[in-house]
Full PDB file with SEQRES, HELIX, SHEET, SSBOND, CRYST1, ORIGX, SCALE, CONECT and MASTER records, all heavy atoms in Angstrom:
SEQRES   1 A   34  ALA PRO ALA LYS GLU ARG GLU PHE VAL ALA ALA ILE ASN          
SEQRES   2 A   34  TRP SER GLY GLY ASN PRO TYR TYR ALA ASP SER VAL LYS          
SEQRES   3 A   34  GLY ARG PHE THR ILE SER ARG ASN                              
SHEET    1 AA1 2 ALA A  10  ILE A  12  0                                        
SHEET    2 AA1 2 PRO A  19  TYR A  21 -1                                        
CRYST1    1.000    1.000    1.000  90.00  90.00  90.00 P 1           1          
ORIGX1      1.000000  0.000000  0.000000        0.00000                         
ORIGX2      0.000000  1.000000  0.000000        0.00000                         
ORIGX3      0.000000  0.000000  1.000000        0.00000                         
SCALE1      1.000000  0.000000  0.000000        0.00000                         
SCALE2      0.000000  1.000000  0.000000        0.00000                         
SCALE3      0.000000  0.000000  1.000000        0.00000                         
ATOM      1  N   ALA A   1      -6.005  -6.875 -11.369  1.00  0.00           N  
ATOM      2  CA  ALA A   1      -5.960  -6.847 -12.818  1.00  0.00           C  
ATOM      3  C   ALA A   1      -6.885  -7.925 -13.367  1.00  0.00           C  
ATOM      4  O   ALA A   1      -7.241  -8.866 -12.653  1.00  0.00           O  
ATOM      5  CB  ALA A   1      -4.530  -7.064 -13.311  1.00  0.00           C  
ATOM      6  N   PRO A   2      -7.284  -7.808 -14.629  1.00  0.00           N  
ATOM      7  CA  PRO A   2      -8.156  -8.824 -15.220  1.00  0.00           C  
ATOM      8  C   PRO A   2      -7.565 -10.223 -15.097  1.00  0.00           C  
ATOM      9  O   PRO A   2      -6.384 -10.437 -15.359  1.00  0.00           O  
ATOM     10  CB  PRO A   2      -8.254  -8.392 -16.687  1.00  0.00           C  
ATOM     11  CG  PRO A   2      -8.043  -6.916 -16.650  1.00  0.00           C  
ATOM     12  CD  PRO A   2      -7.025  -6.698 -15.561  1.00  0.00           C  
ATOM     13  N   ALA A   3      -8.393 -11.149 -14.668  1.00  0.00           N  
ATOM     14  CA  ALA A   3      -8.013 -12.553 -14.526  1.00  0.00           C  
ATOM     15  C   ALA A   3      -6.925 -12.772 -13.473  1.00  0.00           C  
ATOM     16  O   ALA A   3      -6.291 -13.828 -13.458  1.00  0.00           O  
ATOM     17  CB  ALA A   3      -7.574 -13.139 -15.860  1.00  0.00           C  
ATOM     18  N   LYS A   4      -6.718 -11.801 -12.614  1.00  0.00           N  
ATOM     19  CA  LYS A   4      -5.729 -11.919 -11.554  1.00  0.00           C  
ATOM     20  C   LYS A   4      -6.403 -11.785 -10.194  1.00  0.00           C  
ATOM     21  O   LYS A   4      -7.488 -11.224 -10.066  1.00  0.00           O  
ATOM     22  CB  LYS A   4      -4.639 -10.862 -11.703  1.00  0.00           C  
ATOM     23  CG  LYS A   4      -3.859 -10.930 -13.003  1.00  0.00           C  
ATOM     24  CD  LYS A   4      -3.000 -12.183 -13.063  1.00  0.00           C  
ATOM     25  CE  LYS A   4      -2.200 -12.229 -14.350  1.00  0.00           C  
ATOM     26  NZ  LYS A   4      -1.228 -11.107 -14.425  1.00  0.00           N  
ATOM     27  N   GLU A   5      -5.727 -12.311  -9.186  1.00  0.00           N  
ATOM     28  CA  GLU A   5      -6.233 -12.171  -7.833  1.00  0.00           C  
ATOM     29  C   GLU A   5      -5.969 -10.768  -7.312  1.00  0.00           C  
ATOM     30  O   GLU A   5      -5.050 -10.083  -7.757  1.00  0.00           O  
ATOM     31  CB  GLU A   5      -5.578 -13.200  -6.915  1.00  0.00           C  
ATOM     32  CG  GLU A   5      -5.933 -14.637  -7.227  1.00  0.00           C  
ATOM     33  CD  GLU A   5      -5.318 -15.605  -6.241  1.00  0.00           C  
ATOM     34  OE1 GLU A   5      -4.473 -15.172  -5.428  1.00  0.00           O  
ATOM     35  OE2 GLU A   5      -5.680 -16.787  -6.273  1.00  0.00           O  
ATOM     36  N   ARG A   6      -6.790 -10.365  -6.375  1.00  0.00           N  
ATOM     37  CA  ARG A   6      -6.588  -9.079  -5.746  1.00  0.00           C  
ATOM     38  C   ARG A   6      -5.303  -9.109  -4.922  1.00  0.00           C  
ATOM     39  O   ARG A   6      -5.081 -10.029  -4.126  1.00  0.00           O  
ATOM     40  CB  ARG A   6      -7.785  -8.738  -4.858  1.00  0.00           C  
ATOM     41  CG  ARG A   6      -7.787  -7.317  -4.328  1.00  0.00           C  
ATOM     42  CD  ARG A   6      -9.137  -6.976  -3.701  1.00  0.00           C  
ATOM     43  NE  ARG A   6     -10.220  -7.077  -4.672  1.00  0.00           N  
ATOM     44  CZ  ARG A   6     -11.480  -6.734  -4.406  1.00  0.00           C  
ATOM     45  NH1 ARG A   6     -11.810  -6.272  -3.214  1.00  0.00           N  
ATOM     46  NH2 ARG A   6     -12.403  -6.866  -5.348  1.00  0.00           N  
ATOM     47  N   GLU A   7      -4.452  -8.111  -5.113  1.00  0.00           N  
ATOM     48  CA  GLU A   7      -3.172  -8.088  -4.432  1.00  0.00           C  
ATOM     49  C   GLU A   7      -2.989  -6.813  -3.622  1.00  0.00           C  
ATOM     50  O   GLU A   7      -3.507  -5.750  -3.966  1.00  0.00           O  
ATOM     51  CB  GLU A   7      -2.018  -8.235  -5.434  1.00  0.00           C  
ATOM     52  CG  GLU A   7      -1.866  -7.071  -6.388  1.00  0.00           C  
ATOM     53  CD  GLU A   7      -0.633  -7.185  -7.261  1.00  0.00           C  
ATOM     54  OE1 GLU A   7       0.183  -8.096  -7.029  1.00  0.00           O  
ATOM     55  OE2 GLU A   7      -0.486  -6.366  -8.188  1.00  0.00           O  
ATOM     56  N   PHE A   8      -2.219  -6.951  -2.577  1.00  0.00           N  
ATOM     57  CA  PHE A   8      -1.928  -5.846  -1.688  1.00  0.00           C  
ATOM     58  C   PHE A   8      -1.023  -4.831  -2.352  1.00  0.00           C  
ATOM     59  O   PHE A   8      -0.075  -5.185  -3.053  1.00  0.00           O  
ATOM     60  CB  PHE A   8      -1.272  -6.383  -0.417  1.00  0.00           C  
ATOM     61  CG  PHE A   8      -0.721  -5.325   0.484  1.00  0.00           C  
ATOM     62  CD1 PHE A   8      -1.558  -4.545   1.260  1.00  0.00           C  
ATOM     63  CD2 PHE A   8       0.646  -5.120   0.569  1.00  0.00           C  
ATOM     64  CE1 PHE A   8      -1.051  -3.573   2.101  1.00  0.00           C  
ATOM     65  CE2 PHE A   8       1.170  -4.154   1.406  1.00  0.00           C  
ATOM     66  CZ  PHE A   8       0.314  -3.378   2.174  1.00  0.00           C  
ATOM     67  N   VAL A   9      -1.308  -3.559  -2.118  1.00  0.00           N  
ATOM     68  CA  VAL A   9      -0.486  -2.468  -2.634  1.00  0.00           C  
ATOM     69  C   VAL A   9       0.172  -1.702  -1.493  1.00  0.00           C  
ATOM     70  O   VAL A   9       1.390  -1.586  -1.428  1.00  0.00           O  
ATOM     71  CB  VAL A   9      -1.303  -1.506  -3.507  1.00  0.00           C  
ATOM     72  CG1 VAL A   9      -0.437  -0.333  -3.962  1.00  0.00           C  
ATOM     73  CG2 VAL A   9      -1.893  -2.240  -4.704  1.00  0.00           C  
ATOM     74  N   ALA A  10      -0.640  -1.169  -0.602  1.00  0.00           N  
ATOM     75  CA  ALA A  10      -0.128  -0.369   0.503  1.00  0.00           C  
ATOM     76  C   ALA A  10      -1.173  -0.294   1.598  1.00  0.00           C  
ATOM     77  O   ALA A  10      -2.363  -0.477   1.351  1.00  0.00           O  
ATOM     78  CB  ALA A  10       0.247   1.042   0.033  1.00  0.00           C  
ATOM     79  N   ALA A  11      -0.724  -0.015   2.808  1.00  0.00           N  
ATOM     80  CA  ALA A  11      -1.625   0.143   3.933  1.00  0.00           C  
ATOM     81  C   ALA A  11      -1.020   1.127   4.915  1.00  0.00           C  
ATOM     82  O   ALA A  11       0.189   1.394   4.893  1.00  0.00           O  
ATOM     83  CB  ALA A  11      -1.903  -1.197   4.617  1.00  0.00           C  
ATOM     84  N   ILE A  12      -1.862   1.652   5.784  1.00  0.00           N  
ATOM     85  CA  ILE A  12      -1.396   2.614   6.767  1.00  0.00           C  
ATOM     86  C   ILE A  12      -2.164   2.448   8.062  1.00  0.00           C  
ATOM     87  O   ILE A  12      -3.382   2.259   8.056  1.00  0.00           O  
ATOM     88  CB  ILE A  12      -1.507   4.060   6.219  1.00  0.00           C  
ATOM     89  CG1 ILE A  12      -0.784   5.042   7.136  1.00  0.00           C  
ATOM     90  CG2 ILE A  12      -2.966   4.468   6.014  1.00  0.00           C  
ATOM     91  CD1 ILE A  12      -0.562   6.408   6.493  1.00  0.00           C  
ATOM     92  N   ASN A  13      -1.439   2.487   9.156  1.00  0.00           N  
ATOM     93  CA  ASN A  13      -2.059   2.494  10.469  1.00  0.00           C  
ATOM     94  C   ASN A  13      -2.728   3.841  10.676  1.00  0.00           C  
ATOM     95  O   ASN A  13      -2.110   4.886  10.469  1.00  0.00           O  
ATOM     96  CB  ASN A  13      -0.994   2.238  11.537  1.00  0.00           C  
ATOM     97  CG  ASN A  13      -1.511   2.415  12.947  1.00  0.00           C  
ATOM     98  OD1 ASN A  13      -1.439   3.496  13.520  1.00  0.00           O  
ATOM     99  ND2 ASN A  13      -2.044   1.344  13.515  1.00  0.00           N  
ATOM    100  N   TRP A  14      -4.001   3.813  11.071  1.00  0.00           N  
ATOM    101  CA  TRP A  14      -4.770   5.046  11.083  1.00  0.00           C  
ATOM    102  C   TRP A  14      -4.310   6.041  12.129  1.00  0.00           C  
ATOM    103  O   TRP A  14      -4.203   7.232  11.852  1.00  0.00           O  
ATOM    104  CB  TRP A  14      -6.256   4.745  11.263  1.00  0.00           C  
ATOM    105  CG  TRP A  14      -7.107   5.880  10.808  1.00  0.00           C  
ATOM    106  CD1 TRP A  14      -7.914   6.665  11.565  1.00  0.00           C  
ATOM    107  CD2 TRP A  14      -7.213   6.370   9.467  1.00  0.00           C  
ATOM    108  NE1 TRP A  14      -8.520   7.612  10.791  1.00  0.00           N  
ATOM    109  CE2 TRP A  14      -8.114   7.457   9.494  1.00  0.00           C  
ATOM    110  CE3 TRP A  14      -6.641   5.984   8.254  1.00  0.00           C  
ATOM    111  CZ2 TRP A  14      -8.436   8.171   8.347  1.00  0.00           C  
ATOM    112  CZ3 TRP A  14      -6.963   6.699   7.109  1.00  0.00           C  
ATOM    113  CH2 TRP A  14      -7.856   7.775   7.169  1.00  0.00           C  
ATOM    114  N   SER A  15      -4.032   5.578  13.314  1.00  0.00           N  
ATOM    115  CA  SER A  15      -3.650   6.484  14.387  1.00  0.00           C  
ATOM    116  C   SER A  15      -2.182   6.902  14.308  1.00  0.00           C  
ATOM    117  O   SER A  15      -1.857   8.079  14.482  1.00  0.00           O  
ATOM    118  CB  SER A  15      -3.945   5.856  15.747  1.00  0.00           C  
ATOM    119  OG  SER A  15      -3.219   4.648  15.926  1.00  0.00           O  
ATOM    120  N   GLY A  16      -1.304   5.950  14.032  1.00  0.00           N  
ATOM    121  CA  GLY A  16       0.116   6.252  14.015  1.00  0.00           C  
ATOM    122  C   GLY A  16       0.669   6.664  12.666  1.00  0.00           C  
ATOM    123  O   GLY A  16       1.735   7.273  12.590  1.00  0.00           O  
ATOM    124  N   GLY A  17      -0.030   6.310  11.592  1.00  0.00           N  
ATOM    125  CA  GLY A  17       0.418   6.665  10.263  1.00  0.00           C  
ATOM    126  C   GLY A  17       1.564   5.811   9.733  1.00  0.00           C  
ATOM    127  O   GLY A  17       2.224   6.202   8.769  1.00  0.00           O  
ATOM    128  N   ASN A  18       1.806   4.661  10.333  1.00  0.00           N  
ATOM    129  CA  ASN A  18       2.879   3.788   9.869  1.00  0.00           C  
ATOM    130  C   ASN A  18       2.503   3.144   8.537  1.00  0.00           C  
ATOM    131  O   ASN A  18       1.462   2.497   8.438  1.00  0.00           O  
ATOM    132  CB  ASN A  18       3.162   2.704  10.896  1.00  0.00           C  
ATOM    133  CG  ASN A  18       3.559   3.283  12.236  1.00  0.00           C  
ATOM    134  OD1 ASN A  18       4.338   4.232  12.306  1.00  0.00           O  
ATOM    135  ND2 ASN A  18       3.038   2.715  13.314  1.00  0.00           N  
ATOM    136  N   PRO A  19       3.337   3.311   7.514  1.00  0.00           N  
ATOM    137  CA  PRO A  19       3.000   2.772   6.195  1.00  0.00           C  
ATOM    138  C   PRO A  19       3.559   1.374   5.956  1.00  0.00           C  
ATOM    139  O   PRO A  19       4.579   0.986   6.528  1.00  0.00           O  
ATOM    140  CB  PRO A  19       3.652   3.775   5.247  1.00  0.00           C  
ATOM    141  CG  PRO A  19       4.893   4.194   5.984  1.00  0.00           C  
ATOM    142  CD  PRO A  19       4.528   4.183   7.453  1.00  0.00           C  
ATOM    143  N   TYR A  20       2.890   0.655   5.086  1.00  0.00           N  
ATOM    144  CA  TYR A  20       3.332  -0.660   4.647  1.00  0.00           C  
ATOM    145  C   TYR A  20       3.152  -0.722   3.138  1.00  0.00           C  
ATOM    146  O   TYR A  20       2.153  -0.241   2.603  1.00  0.00           O  
ATOM    147  CB  TYR A  20       2.526  -1.765   5.322  1.00  0.00           C  
ATOM    148  CG  TYR A  20       2.508  -1.676   6.825  1.00  0.00           C  
ATOM    149  CD1 TYR A  20       1.575  -0.884   7.479  1.00  0.00           C  
ATOM    150  CD2 TYR A  20       3.440  -2.371   7.591  1.00  0.00           C  
ATOM    151  CE1 TYR A  20       1.561  -0.786   8.864  1.00  0.00           C  
ATOM    152  CE2 TYR A  20       3.429  -2.273   8.977  1.00  0.00           C  
ATOM    153  CZ  TYR A  20       2.495  -1.484   9.606  1.00  0.00           C  
ATOM    154  OH  TYR A  20       2.486  -1.389  10.980  1.00  0.00           O  
ATOM    155  N   TYR A  21       4.121  -1.323   2.437  1.00  0.00           N  
ATOM    156  CA  TYR A  21       4.080  -1.359   0.993  1.00  0.00           C  
ATOM    157  C   TYR A  21       4.414  -2.737   0.454  1.00  0.00           C  
ATOM    158  O   TYR A  21       5.236  -3.468   1.024  1.00  0.00           O  
ATOM    159  CB  TYR A  21       5.074  -0.370   0.387  1.00  0.00           C  
ATOM    160  CG  TYR A  21       4.819   1.068   0.743  1.00  0.00           C  
ATOM    161  CD1 TYR A  21       5.542   1.687   1.749  1.00  0.00           C  
ATOM    162  CD2 TYR A  21       3.854   1.811   0.067  1.00  0.00           C  
ATOM    163  CE1 TYR A  21       5.314   3.011   2.079  1.00  0.00           C  
ATOM    164  CE2 TYR A  21       3.620   3.132   0.392  1.00  0.00           C  
ATOM    165  CZ  TYR A  21       4.346   3.733   1.392  1.00  0.00           C  
ATOM    166  OH  TYR A  21       4.116   5.046   1.720  1.00  0.00           O  
ATOM    167  N   ALA A  22       3.781  -3.068  -0.643  1.00  0.00           N  
ATOM    168  CA  ALA A  22       4.208  -4.229  -1.397  1.00  0.00           C  
ATOM    169  C   ALA A  22       5.555  -3.932  -2.041  1.00  0.00           C  
ATOM    170  O   ALA A  22       5.847  -2.790  -2.397  1.00  0.00           O  
ATOM    171  CB  ALA A  22       3.178  -4.576  -2.472  1.00  0.00           C  
ATOM    172  N   ASP A  23       6.373  -4.963  -2.188  1.00  0.00           N  
ATOM    173  CA  ASP A  23       7.687  -4.765  -2.783  1.00  0.00           C  
ATOM    174  C   ASP A  23       7.603  -4.185  -4.191  1.00  0.00           C  
ATOM    175  O   ASP A  23       8.482  -3.430  -4.612  1.00  0.00           O  
ATOM    176  CB  ASP A  23       8.455  -6.082  -2.818  1.00  0.00           C  
ATOM    177  CG  ASP A  23       8.894  -6.536  -1.439  1.00  0.00           C  
ATOM    178  OD1 ASP A  23       8.943  -5.700  -0.519  1.00  0.00           O  
ATOM    179  OD2 ASP A  23       9.193  -7.737  -1.284  1.00  0.00           O  
ATOM    180  N   SER A  24       6.549  -4.513  -4.903  1.00  0.00           N  
ATOM    181  CA  SER A  24       6.415  -4.080  -6.278  1.00  0.00           C  
ATOM    182  C   SER A  24       6.196  -2.578  -6.426  1.00  0.00           C  
ATOM    183  O   SER A  24       6.417  -2.027  -7.505  1.00  0.00           O  
ATOM    184  CB  SER A  24       5.265  -4.832  -6.957  1.00  0.00           C  
ATOM    185  OG  SER A  24       4.041  -4.594  -6.287  1.00  0.00           O  
ATOM    186  N   VAL A  25       5.762  -1.922  -5.356  1.00  0.00           N  
ATOM    187  CA  VAL A  25       5.480  -0.494  -5.439  1.00  0.00           C  
ATOM    188  C   VAL A  25       6.347   0.333  -4.509  1.00  0.00           C  
ATOM    189  O   VAL A  25       6.308   1.572  -4.572  1.00  0.00           O  
ATOM    190  CB  VAL A  25       3.995  -0.198  -5.153  1.00  0.00           C  
ATOM    191  CG1 VAL A  25       3.100  -1.014  -6.074  1.00  0.00           C  
ATOM    192  CG2 VAL A  25       3.661  -0.477  -3.689  1.00  0.00           C  
ATOM    193  N   LYS A  26       7.119  -0.306  -3.674  1.00  0.00           N  
ATOM    194  CA  LYS A  26       7.952   0.413  -2.723  1.00  0.00           C  
ATOM    195  C   LYS A  26       8.926   1.332  -3.453  1.00  0.00           C  
ATOM    196  O   LYS A  26       9.595   0.925  -4.401  1.00  0.00           O  
ATOM    197  CB  LYS A  26       8.705  -0.578  -1.835  1.00  0.00           C  
ATOM    198  CG  LYS A  26       9.418   0.059  -0.650  1.00  0.00           C  
ATOM    199  CD  LYS A  26      10.017  -1.008   0.261  1.00  0.00           C  
ATOM    200  CE  LYS A  26       8.946  -1.896   0.867  1.00  0.00           C  
ATOM    201  NZ  LYS A  26       9.517  -2.907   1.799  1.00  0.00           N  
ATOM    202  N   GLY A  27       8.980   2.570  -3.013  1.00  0.00           N  
ATOM    203  CA  GLY A  27       9.827   3.559  -3.654  1.00  0.00           C  
ATOM    204  C   GLY A  27       9.136   4.356  -4.727  1.00  0.00           C  
ATOM    205  O   GLY A  27       9.643   5.403  -5.143  1.00  0.00           O  
ATOM    206  N   ARG A  28       7.995   3.870  -5.200  1.00  0.00           N  
ATOM    207  CA  ARG A  28       7.234   4.573  -6.229  1.00  0.00           C  
ATOM    208  C   ARG A  28       5.912   5.114  -5.701  1.00  0.00           C  
ATOM    209  O   ARG A  28       5.478   6.189  -6.099  1.00  0.00           O  
ATOM    210  CB  ARG A  28       6.948   3.647  -7.412  1.00  0.00           C  
ATOM    211  CG  ARG A  28       8.197   3.136  -8.109  1.00  0.00           C  
ATOM    212  CD  ARG A  28       7.832   2.389  -9.387  1.00  0.00           C  
ATOM    213  NE  ARG A  28       7.040   1.184  -9.107  1.00  0.00           N  
ATOM    214  CZ  ARG A  28       5.841   0.938  -9.622  1.00  0.00           C  
ATOM    215  NH1 ARG A  28       5.285   1.817 -10.451  1.00  0.00           N  
ATOM    216  NH2 ARG A  28       5.200  -0.185  -9.323  1.00  0.00           N  
ATOM    217  N   PHE A  29       5.277   4.361  -4.809  1.00  0.00           N  
ATOM    218  CA  PHE A  29       3.989   4.747  -4.266  1.00  0.00           C  
ATOM    219  C   PHE A  29       4.160   5.229  -2.835  1.00  0.00           C  
ATOM    220  O   PHE A  29       5.018   4.738  -2.098  1.00  0.00           O  
ATOM    221  CB  PHE A  29       3.009   3.575  -4.270  1.00  0.00           C  
ATOM    222  CG  PHE A  29       2.567   3.119  -5.631  1.00  0.00           C  
ATOM    223  CD1 PHE A  29       3.161   3.599  -6.785  1.00  0.00           C  
ATOM    224  CD2 PHE A  29       1.551   2.185  -5.741  1.00  0.00           C  
ATOM    225  CE1 PHE A  29       2.753   3.175  -8.033  1.00  0.00           C  
ATOM    226  CE2 PHE A  29       1.127   1.753  -6.984  1.00  0.00           C  
ATOM    227  CZ  PHE A  29       1.725   2.242  -8.125  1.00  0.00           C  
ATOM    228  N   THR A  30       3.320   6.157  -2.437  1.00  0.00           N  
ATOM    229  CA  THR A  30       3.319   6.661  -1.078  1.00  0.00           C  
ATOM    230  C   THR A  30       1.893   6.720  -0.561  1.00  0.00           C  
ATOM    231  O   THR A  30       1.028   7.327  -1.197  1.00  0.00           O  
ATOM    232  CB  THR A  30       3.941   8.060  -0.987  1.00  0.00           C  
ATOM    233  OG1 THR A  30       5.280   8.028  -1.488  1.00  0.00           O  
ATOM    234  CG2 THR A  30       3.972   8.535   0.464  1.00  0.00           C  
ATOM    235  N   ILE A  31       1.662   6.091   0.572  1.00  0.00           N  
ATOM    236  CA  ILE A  31       0.347   6.136   1.191  1.00  0.00           C  
ATOM    237  C   ILE A  31       0.376   7.130   2.344  1.00  0.00           C  
ATOM    238  O   ILE A  31       1.371   7.239   3.063  1.00  0.00           O  
ATOM    239  CB  ILE A  31      -0.102   4.738   1.674  1.00  0.00           C  
ATOM    240  CG1 ILE A  31      -1.563   4.762   2.121  1.00  0.00           C  
ATOM    241  CG2 ILE A  31       0.798   4.221   2.793  1.00  0.00           C  
ATOM    242  CD1 ILE A  31      -2.150   3.380   2.386  1.00  0.00           C  
ATOM    243  N   SER A  32      -0.696   7.860   2.504  1.00  0.00           N  
ATOM    244  CA  SER A  32      -0.812   8.820   3.589  1.00  0.00           C  
ATOM    245  C   SER A  32      -2.275   8.949   3.976  1.00  0.00           C  
ATOM    246  O   SER A  32      -3.160   8.451   3.277  1.00  0.00           O  
ATOM    247  CB  SER A  32      -0.239  10.185   3.183  1.00  0.00           C  
ATOM    248  OG  SER A  32      -0.930  10.726   2.077  1.00  0.00           O  
ATOM    249  N   ARG A  33      -2.517   9.597   5.101  1.00  0.00           N  
ATOM    250  CA  ARG A  33      -3.895   9.778   5.515  1.00  0.00           C  
ATOM    251  C   ARG A  33      -4.070  11.110   6.227  1.00  0.00           C  
ATOM    252  O   ARG A  33      -3.123  11.648   6.789  1.00  0.00           O  
ATOM    253  CB  ARG A  33      -4.379   8.630   6.424  1.00  0.00           C  
ATOM    254  CG  ARG A  33      -4.128   8.820   7.926  1.00  0.00           C  
ATOM    255  CD  ARG A  33      -2.732   8.421   8.316  1.00  0.00           C  
ATOM    256  NE  ARG A  33      -2.569   8.357   9.763  1.00  0.00           N  
ATOM    257  CZ  ARG A  33      -1.992   9.298  10.486  1.00  0.00           C  
ATOM    258  NH1 ARG A  33      -1.496  10.391   9.896  1.00  0.00           N  
ATOM    259  NH2 ARG A  33      -1.873   9.150  11.800  1.00  0.00           N  
ATOM    260  N   ASN A  34      -5.282  11.612   6.166  1.00  0.00           N  
ATOM    261  CA  ASN A  34      -5.683  12.807   6.879  1.00  0.00           C  
ATOM    262  C   ASN A  34      -6.783  12.395   7.840  1.00  0.00           C  
ATOM    263  O   ASN A  34      -7.899  12.089   7.424  1.00  0.00           O  
ATOM    264  CB  ASN A  34      -6.170  13.889   5.911  1.00  0.00           C  
ATOM    265  CG  ASN A  34      -6.444  15.209   6.607  1.00  0.00           C  
ATOM    266  OD1 ASN A  34      -6.966  15.251   7.717  1.00  0.00           O  
ATOM    267  ND2 ASN A  34      -6.092  16.306   5.939  1.00  0.00           N  
TER     268      ASN A  34                                                      
MASTER        0    0    0    0    2    0    0    6  267    1    0    3          
END                                                                             
């Protein structure tokens, strides 16, 4: 965000597809990959 540091939102392990989420978005955001 403006005047803010870059913060983590979500990540995913490419081969296994294991997701990781920031607490602020957990339950609302979903990361996936093809």
